[in-house]
Protein backbone atom coordinates (compact mmCIF):
# COMPACT_ATOMS: atom_id res chain seq x y z
CA UNK A 1 -18.60 -17.88 3.07
CA UNK A 2 -18.46 -20.05 6.19
CA UNK A 3 -16.93 -18.26 9.17
CA UNK A 4 -13.13 -18.40 9.22
CA UNK A 5 -10.52 -18.38 11.94
CA UNK A 6 -8.58 -15.24 11.05
CA UNK A 7 -5.21 -14.30 12.52
CA UNK A 8 -3.45 -10.95 12.36
CA UNK A 9 0.31 -11.06 12.78
CA UNK A 10 1.36 -7.66 14.13
CA UNK A 11 -2.12 -6.84 15.38
CA UNK A 12 -0.99 -3.97 17.63
CA UNK A 13 0.74 -1.95 14.89
CA UNK A 14 -0.83 0.77 12.79
CA UNK A 15 -1.50 -1.56 9.82
CA UNK A 16 -2.64 -4.44 12.03
CA UNK A 17 -5.17 -2.23 13.78
CA UNK A 18 -6.41 -0.97 10.43
CA UNK A 19 -6.83 -4.58 9.28
CA UNK A 20 -9.12 -5.13 12.28
CA UNK A 21 -11.16 -2.09 11.30
CA UNK A 22 -11.38 -3.21 7.67
CA UNK A 23 -12.54 -6.70 8.67
CA UNK A 24 -15.33 -5.07 10.67
CA UNK A 25 -16.30 -2.55 7.99
CA UNK A 26 -16.40 -5.12 5.19
CA UNK A 27 -18.27 -7.68 7.32
CA UNK A 28 -15.63 -10.34 6.71
CA UNK A 29 -16.87 -13.73 8.02
CA UNK A 30 -14.62 -14.00 11.06
CA UNK A 31 -15.73 -16.87 13.25
CA UNK A 32 -12.80 -16.42 15.60
CA UNK A 33 -10.10 -13.76 15.66
CA UNK A 34 -6.53 -14.54 16.73
CA UNK A 35 -4.51 -11.32 17.21
CA UNK A 36 -0.77 -12.09 17.36
CA UNK A 37 2.02 -9.80 18.52
CA UNK A 38 5.29 -9.81 20.44
CA UNK A 39 5.70 -11.29 23.91
CA UNK A 40 5.38 -7.84 25.51
CA UNK A 41 1.85 -7.46 24.12
CA UNK A 42 0.71 -11.04 24.81
CA UNK A 43 -2.08 -11.21 27.36
CA UNK A 44 -3.34 -7.70 26.63
CA UNK A 45 -6.59 -7.24 24.77
CA UNK A 46 -7.66 -5.54 21.57
CA UNK A 47 -11.17 -4.48 20.58
CA UNK A 48 -12.97 -6.27 17.75
CA UNK A 49 -16.70 -6.11 17.01
CA UNK A 50 -17.54 -4.76 20.44
CA UNK A 51 -15.55 -7.37 22.35
CA UNK A 52 -12.08 -7.50 23.87
CA UNK A 53 -9.94 -10.25 22.32
CA UNK A 54 -6.77 -11.46 24.04
CA UNK A 55 -3.51 -11.00 22.15
CA UNK A 56 -1.44 -14.16 21.66
CA UNK A 57 2.35 -14.27 21.44
CA UNK A 58 3.46 -14.80 17.83
CA UNK A 59 5.16 -18.18 17.85
CA UNK A 60 4.76 -21.26 15.61
CA UNK A 61 2.23 -23.17 17.74
CA UNK A 62 -0.06 -20.12 17.86
CA UNK A 63 -0.95 -20.64 14.17
CA UNK A 64 -2.72 -23.96 14.78
CA UNK A 65 -6.29 -23.81 13.50
CA UNK A 66 -5.95 -20.46 11.68
CA UNK A 67 -7.54 -20.45 8.21
CA UNK A 68 -6.37 -17.04 6.96
CA UNK A 69 -3.46 -15.09 8.41
CA UNK A 70 -3.07 -11.38 7.62
CA UNK A 71 0.56 -10.34 8.03
CA UNK A 72 1.42 -6.86 9.28
CA UNK A 73 4.86 -7.58 10.71
CA UNK A 74 8.39 -6.65 9.62
CA UNK A 75 10.34 -8.63 7.03
CA UNK A 76 12.38 -10.67 9.50
CA UNK A 77 9.32 -11.72 11.48
CA UNK A 78 7.42 -12.59 8.30
CA UNK A 79 10.27 -14.74 6.97
CA UNK A 80 10.55 -16.55 10.30
CA UNK A 81 6.87 -17.14 11.06
CA UNK A 82 4.80 -17.23 7.86
CA UNK A 83 6.26 -20.56 6.66
CA UNK A 84 5.34 -21.96 10.08
CA UNK A 85 1.76 -20.76 9.62
CA UNK A 86 1.60 -22.37 6.16
CA UNK A 87 2.83 -25.68 7.60
CA UNK A 88 -0.14 -25.56 9.99
CA UNK A 89 -2.67 -25.00 7.23
CA UNK A 90 -3.06 -21.22 7.09
CA UNK A 91 -3.14 -19.16 3.91
CA UNK A 92 -1.09 -16.02 4.55
CA UNK A 93 -1.71 -12.58 3.04
CA UNK A 94 1.48 -10.72 3.86
CA UNK A 95 2.10 -6.98 3.89
CA UNK A 96 5.87 -7.18 4.38
CA UNK A 97 8.47 -7.04 1.61
CA UNK A 98 9.77 -10.51 2.43
CA UNK A 99 8.12 -12.59 -0.31
CA UNK A 100 6.96 -10.06 -2.91
CA UNK A 101 9.40 -10.98 -5.65
CA UNK A 102 9.51 -14.74 -5.00
CA UNK A 103 8.49 -16.55 -8.19
CA UNK A 104 6.08 -18.89 -6.39
CA UNK A 105 4.31 -16.11 -4.42
CA UNK A 106 1.52 -14.12 -6.12
CA UNK A 107 1.75 -10.34 -5.73
CA UNK A 108 -1.81 -9.09 -5.95
CA UNK A 109 -3.85 -5.92 -6.38
CA UNK A 110 -7.44 -7.25 -6.66
CA UNK A 111 -8.47 -4.56 -9.17
CA UNK A 112 -5.66 -5.72 -11.48
CA UNK A 113 -4.64 -9.37 -11.11
CA UNK A 114 -7.16 -11.11 -8.86
CA UNK A 115 -6.74 -14.33 -10.86
CA UNK A 116 -3.19 -14.72 -9.57
CA UNK A 117 -4.41 -15.81 -6.14
CA UNK A 118 -5.30 -19.16 -7.71
CA UNK A 119 -1.68 -20.28 -7.93
CA UNK A 120 -0.63 -19.44 -4.37
CA UNK A 121 1.26 -22.05 -2.34
CA UNK A 122 0.25 -20.72 1.05
CA UNK A 123 1.53 -17.14 0.83
CA UNK A 124 0.15 -14.18 -1.14
CA UNK A 125 1.98 -10.86 -0.99
CA UNK A 126 0.53 -7.39 -0.69
CA UNK A 127 2.45 -4.91 -2.89
CA UNK A 128 4.22 -1.80 -1.66
CA UNK A 129 1.86 1.05 -0.79
CA UNK A 130 3.16 3.41 -3.47
CA UNK A 131 2.91 0.65 -6.08
CA UNK A 132 -0.76 0.05 -5.23
CA UNK A 133 -1.68 3.73 -5.24
CA UNK A 134 0.00 4.31 -8.61
CA UNK A 135 -1.07 1.17 -10.45
CA UNK A 136 -4.78 1.12 -9.57
CA UNK A 137 -5.50 4.19 -11.77
CA UNK A 138 -2.93 3.26 -14.42
CA UNK A 139 -4.36 -0.21 -15.03
CA UNK A 140 -7.56 0.81 -16.86
CA UNK A 141 -5.48 3.15 -19.02
CA UNK A 142 -3.12 0.29 -19.82
CA UNK A 143 -6.04 -1.93 -20.81
CA UNK A 144 -7.14 0.71 -23.31
CA UNK A 145 -3.84 1.90 -24.70
CA UNK A 146 -0.99 -0.40 -23.61
CA UNK A 147 1.36 1.24 -21.12
CA UNK A 148 5.08 1.09 -21.91
CA UNK A 149 6.78 3.52 -19.53
CA UNK A 150 6.09 5.21 -16.16
CA UNK A 151 7.86 8.24 -14.70
CA UNK A 152 6.69 8.80 -11.13
CA UNK A 153 7.44 11.06 -8.19
CA UNK A 154 5.86 10.03 -4.91
CA UNK A 155 5.13 12.27 -1.92
CA UNK A 156 4.84 9.80 0.93
CA UNK A 157 3.30 10.52 4.31
CA UNK A 158 4.78 9.84 7.73
CA UNK A 159 2.35 6.93 8.05
CA UNK A 160 4.61 5.02 5.68
CA UNK A 161 7.05 4.67 8.57
CA UNK A 162 4.34 3.17 10.78
CA UNK A 163 3.29 4.40 14.19
CA UNK A 164 6.82 5.68 15.01
CA UNK A 165 6.64 7.95 11.96
CA UNK A 166 3.25 9.36 12.93
CA UNK A 167 4.31 9.98 16.52
CA UNK A 168 7.57 11.60 15.46
CA UNK A 169 5.98 14.00 12.94
CA UNK A 170 3.40 15.07 15.51
CA UNK A 171 6.19 15.69 18.06
CA UNK A 172 8.26 17.65 15.55
CA UNK A 173 5.31 19.82 14.53
CA UNK A 174 4.81 20.70 18.18
CA UNK A 175 8.46 21.68 18.49
CA UNK A 176 8.33 23.83 15.38
CA UNK A 177 5.15 25.56 16.56
CA UNK A 178 6.64 26.35 19.97
CA UNK A 179 10.13 27.23 18.72
CA UNK A 180 11.75 24.39 20.66
CA UNK A 181 14.70 22.41 19.22
CA UNK A 182 13.55 19.28 17.43
CA UNK A 183 16.52 17.16 18.57
CA UNK A 184 16.77 13.51 17.52
CA UNK A 185 14.51 12.64 14.57
CA UNK A 186 14.15 8.84 14.49
CA UNK A 187 12.79 7.05 12.48
CA UNK A 188 13.61 9.78 9.94
CA UNK A 189 17.14 10.71 8.92
CA UNK A 190 16.32 14.41 9.26
CA UNK A 191 13.62 16.65 10.66
CA UNK A 192 10.45 16.08 8.64
CA UNK A 193 8.27 18.90 10.00
CA UNK A 194 8.53 21.99 7.74
CA UNK A 195 10.81 19.93 5.51
CA UNK A 196 10.87 17.05 3.03
CA UNK A 197 13.37 14.22 2.67
CA UNK A 198 14.19 12.94 -0.84
CA UNK A 199 15.08 9.47 0.45
CA UNK A 200 12.90 6.57 1.59
CA UNK A 201 14.78 3.37 2.54
CA UNK A 202 18.40 2.67 1.67
CA UNK A 203 20.25 3.53 -1.53
CA UNK A 204 20.82 0.69 -3.96
CA UNK A 205 21.95 0.43 -7.59
CA UNK A 206 22.70 3.62 -9.54
CA UNK A 207 21.79 5.78 -6.52
CA UNK A 208 18.13 4.72 -6.52
CA UNK A 209 16.59 3.76 -3.21
CA UNK A 210 14.99 0.40 -2.54
CA UNK A 211 11.59 2.16 -2.34
CA UNK A 212 12.11 3.66 -5.80
CA UNK A 213 13.02 0.33 -7.37
CA UNK A 214 9.93 -1.39 -5.98
CA UNK A 215 7.44 0.26 -8.31
CA UNK A 216 9.20 -1.13 -11.38
CA UNK A 217 9.96 -4.57 -10.02
CA UNK A 218 6.53 -5.04 -8.47
CA UNK A 219 4.67 -3.38 -11.34
CA UNK A 220 6.18 -5.72 -13.91
CA UNK A 221 5.12 -8.75 -11.83
CA UNK A 222 1.59 -7.54 -10.99
CA UNK A 223 0.72 -6.38 -14.51
CA UNK A 224 2.52 -9.25 -16.27
CA UNK A 225 4.53 -6.68 -18.21
CA UNK A 226 8.17 -7.86 -18.12
CA UNK A 227 9.32 -5.00 -20.37
CA UNK A 228 7.59 -2.16 -18.49
CA UNK A 229 10.04 0.71 -17.93
CA UNK A 230 9.74 2.64 -14.67
CA UNK A 231 11.65 5.60 -13.26
CA UNK A 232 10.63 6.65 -9.76
CA UNK A 233 11.69 9.24 -7.16
CA UNK A 234 10.29 8.79 -3.64
CA UNK A 235 10.08 11.69 -1.19
CA UNK A 236 8.97 11.71 2.45
CA UNK A 237 6.76 14.74 3.11
CA UNK A 238 5.33 16.23 6.35
CA UNK A 239 1.86 14.73 5.86
CA UNK A 240 0.36 12.49 8.53
CA UNK A 241 -1.51 10.12 6.24
CA UNK A 242 -2.12 9.43 2.51
CA UNK A 243 0.52 9.22 -0.19
CA UNK A 244 0.44 11.34 -3.36
CA UNK A 245 2.00 10.61 -6.74
CA UNK A 246 2.73 12.60 -9.88
CA UNK A 247 2.85 10.18 -12.80
CA UNK A 248 3.65 10.50 -16.49
CA UNK A 249 2.82 7.39 -18.50
CA UNK A 250 3.62 6.52 -22.11
CA UNK A 251 1.36 4.25 -24.17
CA UNK A 252 1.49 2.18 -27.33
CA UNK A 253 -1.71 3.71 -28.71
CA UNK A 254 -3.22 7.20 -28.57
CA UNK A 255 -5.28 8.08 -25.51
CA UNK A 256 -6.69 11.53 -24.81
CA UNK A 257 -7.24 13.13 -21.40
CA UNK A 258 -11.02 12.96 -21.97
CA UNK A 259 -10.85 9.26 -22.79
CA UNK A 260 -8.70 8.67 -19.72
CA UNK A 261 -11.23 10.46 -17.51
CA UNK A 262 -14.08 8.35 -18.89
CA UNK A 263 -12.14 5.13 -18.33
CA UNK A 264 -11.20 6.12 -14.78
CA UNK A 265 -14.75 7.15 -13.90
CA UNK A 266 -15.84 3.60 -14.68
CA UNK A 267 -12.85 1.90 -13.03
CA UNK A 268 -13.10 0.04 -9.70
CA UNK A 269 -11.26 1.57 -6.75
CA UNK A 270 -10.91 5.01 -8.37
CA UNK A 271 -12.57 8.39 -7.95
CA UNK A 272 -11.94 11.12 -10.54
CA UNK A 273 -11.47 14.56 -8.96
CA UNK A 274 -10.41 16.66 -11.92
CA UNK A 275 -11.93 20.12 -12.26
CA UNK A 276 -9.10 22.67 -12.46
CA UNK A 277 -11.50 25.54 -13.19
CA UNK A 278 -13.00 25.06 -9.74
CA UNK A 279 -9.69 24.14 -8.07
CA UNK A 280 -10.69 20.49 -7.61
CA UNK A 281 -7.93 17.90 -7.59
CA UNK A 282 -6.77 15.06 -5.31
CA UNK A 283 -5.26 15.99 -1.93
CA UNK A 284 -4.07 13.87 1.01
CA UNK A 285 -6.53 15.36 3.50
CA UNK A 286 -9.51 14.33 1.38
CA UNK A 287 -8.25 10.81 0.72
CA UNK A 288 -7.39 9.83 4.30
CA UNK A 289 -9.35 7.07 6.07
CA UNK A 290 -11.12 5.77 2.95
CA UNK A 291 -10.27 3.26 0.24
CA UNK A 292 -10.55 4.98 -3.14
CA UNK A 293 -7.60 6.32 -5.12
CA UNK A 294 -8.42 9.89 -6.13
CA UNK A 295 -7.12 10.88 -9.59
CA UNK A 296 -6.96 14.31 -11.20
CA UNK A 297 -4.79 16.82 -13.09
CA UNK A 298 -5.18 14.49 -16.10
CA UNK A 299 -3.51 16.16 -19.06
CA UNK A 300 -1.43 15.56 -22.15
CA UNK A 301 2.33 15.31 -21.64
CA UNK A 302 3.30 18.39 -23.63
CA UNK A 303 6.99 17.40 -23.52
CA UNK A 304 6.46 14.10 -25.34
CA UNK A 305 8.09 13.86 -28.81
CA UNK A 306 5.96 13.48 -31.90
CA UNK A 307 4.57 9.98 -32.13
CA UNK A 308 4.75 9.32 -28.39
CA UNK A 309 1.40 8.95 -26.65
CA UNK A 310 1.72 10.17 -23.06
CA UNK A 311 -0.44 11.49 -20.23
CA UNK A 312 0.34 13.06 -16.88
CA UNK A 313 -1.85 12.68 -13.79
CA UNK A 314 -1.83 13.20 -10.04
CA UNK A 315 -3.26 10.69 -7.57
CA UNK A 316 -3.65 10.29 -3.81
CA UNK A 317 -4.56 7.34 -1.63
CA UNK A 318 -4.57 6.29 2.00
CA UNK A 319 -1.34 4.39 2.57
CA UNK A 320 -2.61 2.57 5.66
CA UNK A 321 -5.91 1.52 4.09
CA UNK A 322 -5.79 0.77 0.33
CA UNK A 323 -1.99 0.93 0.39
CA UNK A 324 -1.83 -1.83 3.02
CA UNK A 325 -4.71 -3.10 5.19
CA UNK A 326 -7.66 -2.85 2.82
CA UNK A 327 -5.77 -4.43 -0.07
CA UNK A 328 -4.86 -7.36 2.19
CA UNK A 329 -8.46 -7.85 3.30
CA UNK A 330 -9.61 -7.65 -0.34
CA UNK A 331 -7.17 -10.47 -1.15
CA UNK A 332 -8.58 -12.48 1.77
CA UNK A 333 -12.06 -11.93 0.29
CA UNK A 334 -10.84 -13.45 -2.97
CA UNK A 335 -9.82 -16.57 -1.02
CA UNK A 336 -13.43 -16.98 0.11
């Protein structure tokens, strides 16, 4: 637990700033912090543990002496700079998509496959936010009953598009409230306020988006389940923060809603909020700015054919925290 030199690549972005907050909250042993960002941010300062730390331009030589690098940059930047950091001795925990499916890069959710960090070769990937939020509650159910198939619909907040998404939704809501024209809607394809958009990222094979394919591809790797079947629909909704997911899962063995609740109540990283009689269930507002995945609406899949064991549930989690920054800091803790 000796103090480490910790770098954050993309320290000025919404995930990078949350990483700083998580390092503080979890009392990570940071001996020296190296915040890295683009040339336009270099020389400015960022607050950490009551002090102002100078931001360094993200270039290869800046990684000298860094023990652990948390990556919160885009794919192109990660591909260009993380190998340079590894050459200089850093272990990188990366939140981009760049290395997630590489065979020699572990893809880790600490509640599920912490052991996989042992075979890293300098880079460990953080999964997609929706993958993390969905798999954390499904994992204990899989351990009990053997999951075979997932059907998921995600309702993803503007925070999934980073700071530009948050700023844009806030602007649009102001326009809608005042009756002004919304105008240009970047980074979204359409107006998000008072609307939803059934597309996140670009369309790929068989009219599924890249975001929809991630849950299956990443889930199979994380859970070591090469035959896991996943069907996912991802929707952008006018929520500032916290993603929600409706999930139906099929299992090899019988599992009742009551058994599922008991398993989830004992599971790490999960909070059961499931009391329909008193209108208690997970909601984005309640799950924002904390690290637990709230799970509720746990019920039998009444459409399942005879002989098929299936449950349906609803879960919510903070996309910026557990879906990104906190998961990365938890992986860094495993490295200690």
